[in-house]
Amino acid sequence: MGARELDLPERVASSGELPERVTIWEVGARDGLQNESVSVPVEVKLEFLDRLARAGLPVLEATSFVHPKWVPQLADAEELLARLDAHDQVRYPVLVPNEKGLDRALAAGVREIAVFASATETFARRNLNSGLDEQFAMFEPVVSRARAEGLEVRGYLSMCFGDPWEGAVPAEQVARTGARLLDLGCGQLSLGDTIGVATPGQVERLVSAFGAAGTGPDVLAVHFHDTYGQALANTLAALRLGVCTVDSSAGGLGGCPYAESATGNLATEDLVWMLDGLGVEHGVDLDALVATSAWMAGKLGRPSPSRVVRALAG
């Protein structure tokens, strides 16, 4: 057996139901880099996005139109999009916090946006300067205008499993809040474990709560952080329940600038390794992805937290 064969997972089909194919929603260029202590040069971001596209990732969340005062690392959003050499068949959504952000996105020619909501009162007030119910008054004109312009809209819902100020979050509360985003016109809802406290049982309970409220897994995505090492287990639990879109970050970059206990996102390489082992299609070249994350780790001056990157890149 050659050395390379040892670096490939044995394909063993799951005994449970799994989707035939999973869409990986890559957030490294936005959710990952926004948490860096220093700004990454736009040339590096552009090469990062190009490498990720060449690795076969179908969705690359490129940047955010949040005010530079709050996320200075993404102050170059307009320049990045103007210089982006977009690949065919690759989607490049951006995060838009409000109508001013939407104006900037439309001026930049963006065709897909995401809005960022909270499932809890405290985080809504701390992060959005709005209450749990009041936040929808801010999102409604953003979503309706975007849809009128022909844009696809995704809704992020944060603090779906635990909140550092409120503790465990009731699944029914999350399902109600998420349904309101979908009712506004969001085509997909990403359920965020912002501080990384979820366990597979909680994931099952939450997806079931959405189902009981009339929202099926086909419009849900999951976004796990690996604070307690549960991100992959939580992802597998969601896949078994019919969720087919998973957010992840190349090299495990990222966290949450508004939740100090949050560590990095689920590493895309770790996700791909698991999907390969389960025989679930995803379209990503693992070798190219590992090389990309190793390259970015060099640019950032620290090793990648992804276990698969460390194992394969040496």
C-alpha atoms as a PDB file:
ATOM      1  CA  MET A   1       0.000   0.000   0.000  1.00  0.00           C
ATOM      2  CA  GLY A   2       1.466   3.364  -1.052  1.00  0.00           C
ATOM      3  CA  ALA A   3       1.796   6.334   1.233  1.00  0.00           C
ATOM      4  CA  ARG A   4      -0.881   8.256  -0.628  1.00  0.00           C
ATOM      5  CA  GLU A   5      -3.421   5.484  -0.114  1.00  0.00           C
ATOM      6  CA  LEU A   6      -3.020   5.930   3.630  1.00  0.00           C
ATOM      7  CA  ASP A   7      -4.120   9.543   3.182  1.00  0.00           C
ATOM      8  CA  LEU A   8      -7.518   8.592   1.768  1.00  0.00           C
ATOM      9  CA  PRO A   9     -10.428   7.574   4.003  1.00  0.00           C
ATOM     10  CA  GLU A  10     -11.921   4.163   3.408  1.00  0.00           C
ATOM     11  CA  ARG A  11     -15.381   4.604   1.940  1.00  0.00           C
ATOM     12  CA  VAL A  12     -17.907   2.933   4.191  1.00  0.00           C
ATOM     13  CA  ALA A  13     -21.535   3.789   3.580  1.00  0.00           C
ATOM     14  CA  SER A  14     -23.544   4.890   6.588  1.00  0.00           C
ATOM     15  CA  SER A  15     -26.192   2.561   7.948  1.00  0.00           C
ATOM     16  CA  GLY A  16     -28.504   5.546   8.284  1.00  0.00           C
ATOM     17  CA  GLU A  17     -30.103   7.758   5.658  1.00  0.00           C
ATOM     18  CA  LEU A  18     -27.767  10.388   4.234  1.00  0.00           C
ATOM     19  CA  PRO A  19     -28.084  12.765   1.286  1.00  0.00           C
ATOM     20  CA  GLU A  20     -26.364  11.640  -1.899  1.00  0.00           C
ATOM     21  CA  ARG A  21     -24.735  15.055  -2.264  1.00  0.00           C
ATOM     22  CA  VAL A  22     -23.951  17.925   0.113  1.00  0.00           C
ATOM     23  CA  THR A  23     -23.425  21.561  -0.852  1.00  0.00           C
ATOM     24  CA  ILE A  24     -20.497  23.053   1.046  1.00  0.00           C
ATOM     25  CA  TRP A  25     -21.042  26.756   1.737  1.00  0.00           C
ATOM     26  CA  GLU A  26     -17.500  28.069   2.199  1.00  0.00           C
ATOM     27  CA  VAL A  27     -17.302  31.005   4.629  1.00  0.00           C
ATOM     28  CA  GLY A  28     -13.538  31.313   5.135  1.00  0.00           C
ATOM     29  CA  ALA A  29     -13.074  34.493   3.104  1.00  0.00           C
ATOM     30  CA  ARG A  30     -15.761  36.299   5.084  1.00  0.00           C
ATOM     31  CA  ASP A  31     -16.463  34.658   8.444  1.00  0.00           C
ATOM     32  CA  GLY A  32     -12.889  33.440   8.744  1.00  0.00           C
ATOM     33  CA  LEU A  33     -10.908  36.515   7.794  1.00  0.00           C
ATOM     34  CA  GLN A  34     -13.188  39.000   9.578  1.00  0.00           C
ATOM     35  CA  ASN A  35     -11.805  37.747  12.882  1.00  0.00           C
ATOM     36  CA  GLU A  36      -8.132  38.321  12.118  1.00  0.00           C
ATOM     37  CA  SER A  37      -6.358  40.801  14.385  1.00  0.00           C
ATOM     38  CA  VAL A  38      -4.845  42.530  11.350  1.00  0.00           C
ATOM     39  CA  SER A  39      -6.304  43.096   7.912  1.00  0.00           C
ATOM     40  CA  VAL A  40      -5.321  40.637   5.221  1.00  0.00           C
ATOM     41  CA  PRO A  41      -4.237  42.361   1.972  1.00  0.00           C
ATOM     42  CA  VAL A  42      -6.847  42.313  -0.760  1.00  0.00           C
ATOM     43  CA  GLU A  43      -4.398  40.557  -3.091  1.00  0.00           C
ATOM     44  CA  VAL A  44      -4.189  37.658  -0.631  1.00  0.00           C
ATOM     45  CA  LYS A  45      -7.983  37.508  -0.316  1.00  0.00           C
ATOM     46  CA  LEU A  46      -8.358  37.419  -4.092  1.00  0.00           C
ATOM     47  CA  GLU A  47      -5.866  34.583  -4.424  1.00  0.00           C
ATOM     48  CA  PHE A  48      -7.572  32.768  -1.552  1.00  0.00           C
ATOM     49  CA  LEU A  49     -10.931  32.959  -3.337  1.00  0.00           C
ATOM     50  CA  ASP A  50      -9.371  31.878  -6.618  1.00  0.00           C
ATOM     51  CA  ARG A  51      -7.699  28.870  -5.015  1.00  0.00           C
ATOM     52  CA  LEU A  52     -10.925  27.878  -3.258  1.00  0.00           C
ATOM     53  CA  ALA A  53     -12.845  28.079  -6.533  1.00  0.00           C
ATOM     54  CA  ARG A  54     -10.223  25.956  -8.298  1.00  0.00           C
ATOM     55  CA  ALA A  55     -10.541  23.395  -5.504  1.00  0.00           C
ATOM     56  CA  GLY A  56     -14.169  22.896  -6.547  1.00  0.00           C
ATOM     57  CA  LEU A  57     -16.098  24.712  -3.839  1.00  0.00           C
ATOM     58  CA  PRO A  58     -19.448  25.789  -5.330  1.00  0.00           C
ATOM     59  CA  VAL A  59     -20.302  28.636  -2.926  1.00  0.00           C
ATOM     60  CA  LEU A  60     -17.749  31.164  -1.674  1.00  0.00           C
ATOM     61  CA  GLU A  61     -19.062  33.791   0.702  1.00  0.00           C
ATOM     62  CA  ALA A  62     -16.778  36.555  -0.471  1.00  0.00           C
ATOM     63  CA  THR A  63     -17.093  39.456   1.959  1.00  0.00           C
ATOM     64  CA  SER A  64     -19.441  41.605   4.019  1.00  0.00           C
ATOM     65  CA  PHE A  65     -20.871  45.091   3.633  1.00  0.00           C
ATOM     66  CA  VAL A  66     -20.898  45.688   7.377  1.00  0.00           C
ATOM     67  CA  HIS A  67     -19.680  49.181   8.303  1.00  0.00           C
ATOM     68  CA  PRO A  68     -15.853  49.210   8.414  1.00  0.00           C
ATOM     69  CA  LYS A  69     -15.999  50.606  11.947  1.00  0.00           C
ATOM     70  CA  TRP A  70     -17.392  47.275  13.162  1.00  0.00           C
ATOM     71  CA  VAL A  71     -15.498  44.904  10.886  1.00  0.00           C
ATOM     72  CA  PRO A  72     -12.395  46.756   9.655  1.00  0.00           C
ATOM     73  CA  GLN A  73     -10.920  43.562   8.214  1.00  0.00           C
ATOM     74  CA  LEU A  74     -13.553  43.661   5.445  1.00  0.00           C
ATOM     75  CA  ALA A  75     -13.356  47.377   4.666  1.00  0.00           C
ATOM     76  CA  ASP A  76     -12.081  46.489   1.187  1.00  0.00           C
ATOM     77  CA  ALA A  77     -15.359  44.836   0.098  1.00  0.00           C
ATOM     78  CA  GLU A  78     -15.916  47.070  -2.943  1.00  0.00           C
ATOM     79  CA  GLU A  79     -12.328  46.744  -4.141  1.00  0.00           C
ATOM     80  CA  LEU A  80     -12.340  42.979  -3.677  1.00  0.00           C
ATOM     81  CA  LEU A  81     -15.521  42.490  -5.689  1.00  0.00           C
ATOM     82  CA  ALA A  82     -14.380  44.888  -8.406  1.00  0.00           C
ATOM     83  CA  ARG A  83     -11.161  42.904  -8.837  1.00  0.00           C
ATOM     84  CA  LEU A  84     -12.642  39.438  -8.334  1.00  0.00           C
ATOM     85  CA  ASP A  85     -12.079  37.072 -11.259  1.00  0.00           C
ATOM     86  CA  ALA A  86     -15.274  35.124 -10.790  1.00  0.00           C
ATOM     87  CA  HIS A  87     -15.343  31.482 -11.841  1.00  0.00           C
ATOM     88  CA  ASP A  88     -18.237  30.088 -13.814  1.00  0.00           C
ATOM     89  CA  GLN A  89     -20.570  27.896 -11.753  1.00  0.00           C
ATOM     90  CA  VAL A  90     -19.315  29.431  -8.488  1.00  0.00           C
ATOM     91  CA  ARG A  91     -21.631  31.582  -6.380  1.00  0.00           C
ATOM     92  CA  TYR A  92     -20.237  34.560  -4.467  1.00  0.00           C
ATOM     93  CA  PRO A  93     -22.787  35.715  -1.858  1.00  0.00           C
ATOM     94  CA  VAL A  94     -22.024  38.587   0.514  1.00  0.00           C
ATOM     95  CA  LEU A  95     -23.314  39.462   3.959  1.00  0.00           C
ATOM     96  CA  VAL A  96     -25.547  42.546   4.120  1.00  0.00           C
ATOM     97  CA  PRO A  97     -26.559  43.940   7.541  1.00  0.00           C
ATOM     98  CA  ASN A  98     -29.002  46.688   6.544  1.00  0.00           C
ATOM     99  CA  GLU A  99     -30.298  48.829   3.671  1.00  0.00           C
ATOM    100  CA  LYS A 100     -27.064  50.818   3.394  1.00  0.00           C
ATOM    101  CA  GLY A 101     -25.206  47.559   3.019  1.00  0.00           C
ATOM    102  CA  LEU A 102     -27.700  46.467   0.383  1.00  0.00           C
ATOM    103  CA  ASP A 103     -27.114  49.702  -1.530  1.00  0.00           C
ATOM    104  CA  ARG A 104     -23.398  48.945  -1.580  1.00  0.00           C
ATOM    105  CA  ALA A 105     -24.006  45.353  -2.645  1.00  0.00           C
ATOM    106  CA  LEU A 106     -26.287  46.371  -5.515  1.00  0.00           C
ATOM    107  CA  ALA A 107     -23.772  48.972  -6.683  1.00  0.00           C
ATOM    108  CA  ALA A 108     -21.120  46.238  -6.702  1.00  0.00           C
ATOM    109  CA  GLY A 109     -23.255  43.993  -8.890  1.00  0.00           C
ATOM    110  CA  VAL A 110     -23.831  41.309  -6.269  1.00  0.00           C
ATOM    111  CA  ARG A 111     -26.473  38.724  -7.150  1.00  0.00           C
ATOM    112  CA  GLU A 112     -26.799  36.928  -3.819  1.00  0.00           C
ATOM    113  CA  ILE A 113     -26.859  38.233  -0.256  1.00  0.00           C
ATOM    114  CA  ALA A 114     -27.261  37.018   3.305  1.00  0.00           C
ATOM    115  CA  VAL A 115     -28.737  38.742   6.349  1.00  0.00           C
ATOM    116  CA  PHE A 116     -27.695  37.991   9.907  1.00  0.00           C
ATOM    117  CA  ALA A 117     -30.348  37.647  12.637  1.00  0.00           C
ATOM    118  CA  SER A 118     -30.376  36.490  16.245  1.00  0.00           C
ATOM    119  CA  ALA A 119     -32.424  33.777  17.913  1.00  0.00           C
ATOM    120  CA  THR A 120     -32.083  35.464  21.322  1.00  0.00           C
ATOM    121  CA  GLU A 121     -33.010  38.832  22.786  1.00  0.00           C
ATOM    122  CA  THR A 122     -29.652  39.582  24.413  1.00  0.00           C
ATOM    123  CA  PHE A 123     -27.507  38.826  21.376  1.00  0.00           C
ATOM    124  CA  ALA A 124     -29.880  40.821  19.157  1.00  0.00           C
ATOM    125  CA  ARG A 125     -29.410  43.841  21.398  1.00  0.00           C
ATOM    126  CA  ARG A 126     -25.650  43.428  21.687  1.00  0.00           C
ATOM    127  CA  ASN A 127     -24.978  42.602  18.041  1.00  0.00           C
ATOM    128  CA  LEU A 128     -27.805  44.300  16.140  1.00  0.00           C
ATOM    129  CA  ASN A 129     -28.802  47.067  18.558  1.00  0.00           C
ATOM    130  CA  SER A 130     -32.337  45.753  18.293  1.00  0.00           C
ATOM    131  CA  GLY A 131     -34.678  43.431  20.154  1.00  0.00           C
ATOM    132  CA  LEU A 132     -35.565  39.883  19.128  1.00  0.00           C
ATOM    133  CA  ASP A 133     -38.848  40.994  17.572  1.00  0.00           C
ATOM    134  CA  GLU A 134     -37.721  44.448  16.463  1.00  0.00           C
ATOM    135  CA  GLN A 135     -34.888  43.080  14.313  1.00  0.00           C
ATOM    136  CA  PHE A 136     -37.343  42.012  11.624  1.00  0.00           C
ATOM    137  CA  ALA A 137     -38.316  45.616  10.944  1.00  0.00           C
ATOM    138  CA  MET A 138     -34.702  46.134   9.895  1.00  0.00           C
ATOM    139  CA  PHE A 139     -34.552  43.023   7.729  1.00  0.00           C
ATOM    140  CA  GLU A 140     -37.900  43.362   5.949  1.00  0.00           C
ATOM    141  CA  PRO A 141     -36.923  46.209   3.577  1.00  0.00           C
ATOM    142  CA  VAL A 142     -33.543  44.617   2.909  1.00  0.00           C
ATOM    143  CA  VAL A 143     -35.027  41.270   1.932  1.00  0.00           C
ATOM    144  CA  SER A 144     -37.972  42.697  -0.011  1.00  0.00           C
ATOM    145  CA  ARG A 145     -35.774  45.108  -1.994  1.00  0.00           C
ATOM    146  CA  ALA A 146     -33.216  42.409  -2.712  1.00  0.00           C
ATOM    147  CA  ARG A 147     -35.881  40.002  -3.938  1.00  0.00           C
ATOM    148  CA  ALA A 148     -37.415  42.755  -6.090  1.00  0.00           C
ATOM    149  CA  GLU A 149     -33.969  43.197  -7.684  1.00  0.00           C
ATOM    150  CA  GLY A 150     -33.830  39.481  -8.443  1.00  0.00           C
ATOM    151  CA  LEU A 151     -31.290  38.610  -5.749  1.00  0.00           C
ATOM    152  CA  GLU A 152     -31.246  35.361  -3.813  1.00  0.00           C
ATOM    153  CA  VAL A 153     -31.378  35.911  -0.057  1.00  0.00           C
ATOM    154  CA  ARG A 154     -30.095  33.672   2.713  1.00  0.00           C
ATOM    155  CA  GLY A 155     -30.902  34.152   6.387  1.00  0.00           C
ATOM    156  CA  TYR A 156     -28.326  33.455   9.080  1.00  0.00           C
ATOM    157  CA  LEU A 157     -29.745  32.764  12.519  1.00  0.00           C
ATOM    158  CA  SER A 158     -27.203  32.998  15.333  1.00  0.00           C
ATOM    159  CA  MET A 159     -27.278  31.578  18.875  1.00  0.00           C
ATOM    160  CA  CYS A 160     -29.521  28.689  17.863  1.00  0.00           C
ATOM    161  CA  PHE A 161     -28.279  26.309  20.558  1.00  0.00           C
ATOM    162  CA  GLY A 162     -26.784  28.388  23.335  1.00  0.00           C
ATOM    163  CA  ASP A 163     -26.259  32.029  24.250  1.00  0.00           C
ATOM    164  CA  PRO A 164     -23.446  33.141  26.620  1.00  0.00           C
ATOM    165  CA  TRP A 165     -25.849  35.488  28.406  1.00  0.00           C
ATOM    166  CA  GLU A 166     -29.107  33.500  28.287  1.00  0.00           C
ATOM    167  CA  GLY A 167     -27.877  29.903  28.366  1.00  0.00           C
ATOM    168  CA  ALA A 168     -29.639  27.136  26.443  1.00  0.00           C
ATOM    169  CA  VAL A 169     -32.042  28.435  23.799  1.00  0.00           C
ATOM    170  CA  PRO A 170     -35.467  26.739  23.469  1.00  0.00           C
ATOM    171  CA  ALA A 171     -35.789  24.952  20.138  1.00  0.00           C
ATOM    172  CA  GLU A 172     -39.325  26.265  19.661  1.00  0.00           C
ATOM    173  CA  GLN A 173     -38.077  29.848  20.018  1.00  0.00           C
ATOM    174  CA  VAL A 174     -35.444  29.255  17.348  1.00  0.00           C
ATOM    175  CA  ALA A 175     -37.982  27.639  15.021  1.00  0.00           C
ATOM    176  CA  ARG A 176     -40.391  30.578  15.408  1.00  0.00           C
ATOM    177  CA  THR A 177     -37.652  33.114  14.770  1.00  0.00           C
ATOM    178  CA  GLY A 178     -36.326  31.218  11.772  1.00  0.00           C
ATOM    179  CA  ALA A 179     -39.795  30.894  10.275  1.00  0.00           C
ATOM    180  CA  ARG A 180     -40.119  34.688  10.362  1.00  0.00           C
ATOM    181  CA  LEU A 181     -36.954  35.057   8.276  1.00  0.00           C
ATOM    182  CA  LEU A 182     -38.286  32.561   5.761  1.00  0.00           C
ATOM    183  CA  ASP A 183     -41.636  34.363   5.684  1.00  0.00           C
ATOM    184  CA  LEU A 184     -39.806  37.610   4.842  1.00  0.00           C
ATOM    185  CA  GLY A 185     -38.456  35.953   1.706  1.00  0.00           C
ATOM    186  CA  CYS A 186     -35.224  34.236   2.649  1.00  0.00           C
ATOM    187  CA  GLY A 187     -34.756  31.183   0.470  1.00  0.00           C
ATOM    188  CA  GLN A 188     -32.499  29.359   2.916  1.00  0.00           C
ATOM    189  CA  LEU A 189     -31.915  29.498   6.644  1.00  0.00           C
ATOM    190  CA  SER A 190     -28.521  28.728   8.175  1.00  0.00           C
ATOM    191  CA  LEU A 191     -28.714  27.609  11.810  1.00  0.00           C
ATOM    192  CA  GLY A 192     -25.686  28.888  13.695  1.00  0.00           C
ATOM    193  CA  ASP A 193     -24.087  27.351  16.768  1.00  0.00           C
ATOM    194  CA  THR A 194     -22.335  30.643  17.393  1.00  0.00           C
ATOM    195  CA  ILE A 195     -20.459  29.634  20.541  1.00  0.00           C
ATOM    196  CA  GLY A 196     -20.026  25.977  19.656  1.00  0.00           C
ATOM    197  CA  VAL A 197     -21.994  24.394  22.499  1.00  0.00           C
ATOM    198  CA  ALA A 198     -24.377  22.170  20.516  1.00  0.00           C
ATOM    199  CA  THR A 199     -24.460  18.389  20.734  1.00  0.00           C
ATOM    200  CA  PRO A 200     -26.071  15.951  18.269  1.00  0.00           C
ATOM    201  CA  GLY A 201     -29.159  15.515  20.432  1.00  0.00           C
ATOM    202  CA  GLN A 202     -29.778  19.268  20.365  1.00  0.00           C
ATOM    203  CA  VAL A 203     -29.375  19.273  16.602  1.00  0.00           C
ATOM    204  CA  GLU A 204     -31.974  16.544  16.243  1.00  0.00           C
ATOM    205  CA  ARG A 205     -34.347  18.382  18.556  1.00  0.00           C
ATOM    206  CA  LEU A 206     -33.995  21.667  16.674  1.00  0.00           C
ATOM    207  CA  VAL A 207     -34.444  20.214  13.191  1.00  0.00           C
ATOM    208  CA  SER A 208     -37.472  18.327  14.513  1.00  0.00           C
ATOM    209  CA  ALA A 209     -38.874  21.566  15.969  1.00  0.00           C
ATOM    210  CA  PHE A 210     -38.602  23.198  12.568  1.00  0.00           C
ATOM    211  CA  GLY A 211     -40.353  20.219  11.015  1.00  0.00           C
ATOM    212  CA  ALA A 212     -43.159  20.425  13.553  1.00  0.00           C
ATOM    213  CA  ALA A 213     -43.568  24.101  12.643  1.00  0.00           C
ATOM    214  CA  GLY A 214     -43.814  23.267   8.942  1.00  0.00           C
ATOM    215  CA  THR A 215     -40.214  23.956   7.861  1.00  0.00           C
ATOM    216  CA  GLY A 216     -38.494  21.022   6.201  1.00  0.00           C
ATOM    217  CA  PRO A 217     -34.759  20.313   6.101  1.00  0.00           C
ATOM    218  CA  ASP A 218     -34.552  21.231   2.396  1.00  0.00           C
ATOM    219  CA  VAL A 219     -34.435  24.955   3.279  1.00  0.00           C
ATOM    220  CA  LEU A 220     -32.083  24.543   6.248  1.00  0.00           C
ATOM    221  CA  ALA A 221     -28.305  24.739   6.443  1.00  0.00           C
ATOM    222  CA  VAL A 222     -26.081  24.262   9.483  1.00  0.00           C
ATOM    223  CA  HIS A 223     -23.185  26.371  10.701  1.00  0.00           C
ATOM    224  CA  PHE A 224     -21.190  24.795  13.518  1.00  0.00           C
ATOM    225  CA  HIS A 225     -18.254  26.045  15.541  1.00  0.00           C
ATOM    226  CA  ASP A 226     -15.868  23.543  17.084  1.00  0.00           C
ATOM    227  CA  THR A 227     -15.414  25.051  20.549  1.00  0.00           C
ATOM    228  CA  TYR A 228     -16.118  21.714  22.273  1.00  0.00           C
ATOM    229  CA  GLY A 229     -15.055  19.444  19.405  1.00  0.00           C
ATOM    230  CA  GLN A 230     -18.622  18.615  18.380  1.00  0.00           C
ATOM    231  CA  ALA A 231     -18.864  20.243  14.949  1.00  0.00           C
ATOM    232  CA  LEU A 232     -18.456  17.094  12.859  1.00  0.00           C
ATOM    233  CA  ALA A 233     -20.756  15.026  15.076  1.00  0.00           C
ATOM    234  CA  ASN A 234     -23.375  17.764  14.897  1.00  0.00           C
ATOM    235  CA  THR A 235     -23.023  17.948  11.134  1.00  0.00           C
ATOM    236  CA  LEU A 236     -23.551  14.200  10.767  1.00  0.00           C
ATOM    237  CA  ALA A 237     -26.673  14.432  12.933  1.00  0.00           C
ATOM    238  CA  ALA A 238     -28.053  17.170  10.665  1.00  0.00           C
ATOM    239  CA  LEU A 239     -27.255  15.198   7.502  1.00  0.00           C
ATOM    240  CA  ARG A 240     -29.131  12.168   8.845  1.00  0.00           C
ATOM    241  CA  LEU A 241     -32.179  14.421   9.220  1.00  0.00           C
ATOM    242  CA  GLY A 242     -32.080  15.562   5.595  1.00  0.00           C
ATOM    243  CA  VAL A 243     -30.057  18.792   5.767  1.00  0.00           C
ATOM    244  CA  CYS A 244     -27.994  19.068   2.563  1.00  0.00           C
ATOM    245  CA  THR A 245     -26.091  22.348   2.979  1.00  0.00           C
ATOM    246  CA  VAL A 246     -23.217  22.715   5.436  1.00  0.00           C
ATOM    247  CA  ASP A 247     -21.284  25.895   6.204  1.00  0.00           C
ATOM    248  CA  SER A 248     -17.572  25.472   6.805  1.00  0.00           C
ATOM    249  CA  SER A 249     -14.356  27.429   6.678  1.00  0.00           C
ATOM    250  CA  ALA A 250     -11.158  26.413   4.883  1.00  0.00           C
ATOM    251  CA  GLY A 251      -8.515  25.599   7.456  1.00  0.00           C
ATOM    252  CA  GLY A 252     -10.983  26.140  10.311  1.00  0.00           C
ATOM    253  CA  LEU A 253     -10.605  29.916  10.197  1.00  0.00           C
ATOM    254  CA  GLY A 254     -13.022  32.111  12.071  1.00  0.00           C
ATOM    255  CA  GLY A 255     -15.088  32.554  15.175  1.00  0.00           C
ATOM    256  CA  CYS A 256     -17.460  35.314  16.181  1.00  0.00           C
ATOM    257  CA  PRO A 257     -16.231  38.828  17.005  1.00  0.00           C
ATOM    258  CA  TYR A 258     -19.281  39.364  19.250  1.00  0.00           C
ATOM    259  CA  ALA A 259     -18.983  36.112  21.241  1.00  0.00           C
ATOM    260  CA  GLU A 260     -15.625  35.839  22.976  1.00  0.00           C
ATOM    261  CA  SER A 261     -15.917  32.143  23.778  1.00  0.00           C
ATOM    262  CA  ALA A 262     -16.413  31.117  20.142  1.00  0.00           C
ATOM    263  CA  THR A 263     -13.547  29.378  18.399  1.00  0.00           C
ATOM    264  CA  GLY A 264     -13.172  28.498  14.749  1.00  0.00           C
ATOM    265  CA  ASN A 265     -15.734  27.237  12.328  1.00  0.00           C
ATOM    266  CA  LEU A 266     -15.926  23.640  11.225  1.00  0.00           C
ATOM    267  CA  ALA A 267     -12.883  23.138   8.979  1.00  0.00           C
ATOM    268  CA  THR A 268     -13.858  22.432   5.378  1.00  0.00           C
ATOM    269  CA  GLU A 269     -11.096  19.826   5.070  1.00  0.00           C
ATOM    270  CA  ASP A 270     -12.393  17.920   8.090  1.00  0.00           C
ATOM    271  CA  LEU A 271     -15.888  17.994   6.604  1.00  0.00           C
ATOM    272  CA  VAL A 272     -14.651  16.776   3.209  1.00  0.00           C
ATOM    273  CA  TRP A 273     -12.714  13.915   4.823  1.00  0.00           C
ATOM    274  CA  MET A 274     -15.860  12.759   6.614  1.00  0.00           C
ATOM    275  CA  LEU A 275     -18.030  13.068   3.506  1.00  0.00           C
ATOM    276  CA  ASP A 276     -15.472  11.142   1.450  1.00  0.00           C
ATOM    277  CA  GLY A 277     -15.472   8.373   4.026  1.00  0.00           C
ATOM    278  CA  LEU A 278     -19.264   8.190   3.919  1.00  0.00           C
ATOM    279  CA  GLY A 279     -19.395   8.208   0.127  1.00  0.00           C
ATOM    280  CA  VAL A 280     -21.337  11.484   0.023  1.00  0.00           C
ATOM    281  CA  GLU A 281     -20.625  13.602  -3.066  1.00  0.00           C
ATOM    282  CA  HIS A 282     -19.479  17.207  -2.713  1.00  0.00           C
ATOM    283  CA  GLY A 283     -17.277  18.039  -5.717  1.00  0.00           C
ATOM    284  CA  VAL A 284     -14.245  19.317  -3.786  1.00  0.00           C
ATOM    285  CA  ASP A 285     -10.630  18.359  -4.497  1.00  0.00           C
ATOM    286  CA  LEU A 286      -9.231  17.656  -1.028  1.00  0.00           C
ATOM    287  CA  ASP A 287      -5.574  17.911  -2.065  1.00  0.00           C
ATOM    288  CA  ALA A 288      -6.118  21.346  -3.632  1.00  0.00           C
ATOM    289  CA  LEU A 289      -8.100  22.495  -0.618  1.00  0.00           C
ATOM    290  CA  VAL A 290      -5.448  21.352   1.858  1.00  0.00           C
ATOM    291  CA  ALA A 291      -2.762  23.113  -0.182  1.00  0.00           C
ATOM    292  CA  THR A 292      -4.864  26.286  -0.143  1.00  0.00           C
ATOM    293  CA  SER A 293      -5.332  26.240   3.613  1.00  0.00           C
ATOM    294  CA  ALA A 294      -1.665  25.487   4.208  1.00  0.00           C
ATOM    295  CA  TRP A 295      -0.811  28.449   1.973  1.00  0.00           C
ATOM    296  CA  MET A 296      -3.207  30.728   3.884  1.00  0.00           C
ATOM    297  CA  ALA A 297      -1.823  29.537   7.220  1.00  0.00           C
ATOM    298  CA  GLY A 298       1.582  30.660   5.993  1.00  0.00           C
ATOM    299  CA  LYS A 299       0.189  34.074   5.086  1.00  0.00           C
ATOM    300  CA  LEU A 300      -1.360  34.379   8.554  1.00  0.00           C
ATOM    301  CA  GLY A 301       1.795  33.170  10.278  1.00  0.00           C
ATOM    302  CA  ARG A 302       0.297  30.323  12.263  1.00  0.00           C
ATOM    303  CA  PRO A 303      -0.607  26.658  11.733  1.00  0.00           C
ATOM    304  CA  SER A 304      -4.072  25.685  10.574  1.00  0.00           C
ATOM    305  CA  PRO A 305      -6.350  24.359  13.333  1.00  0.00           C
ATOM    306  CA  SER A 306      -7.784  21.798  10.867  1.00  0.00           C
ATOM    307  CA  ARG A 307      -6.731  18.295  11.838  1.00  0.00           C
ATOM    308  CA  VAL A 308      -6.900  17.130   8.237  1.00  0.00           C
ATOM    309  CA  VAL A 309      -4.691  19.981   7.049  1.00  0.00           C
ATOM    310  CA  ARG A 310      -2.153  19.138   9.725  1.00  0.00           C
ATOM    311  CA  ALA A 311      -2.240  15.461   8.827  1.00  0.00           C
ATOM    312  CA  LEU A 312      -1.949  15.868   5.070  1.00  0.00           C
ATOM    313  CA  ALA A 313       0.179  18.996   4.776  1.00  0.00           C
ATOM    314  CA  GLY A 314       2.762  17.811   7.314  1.00  0.00           C
END
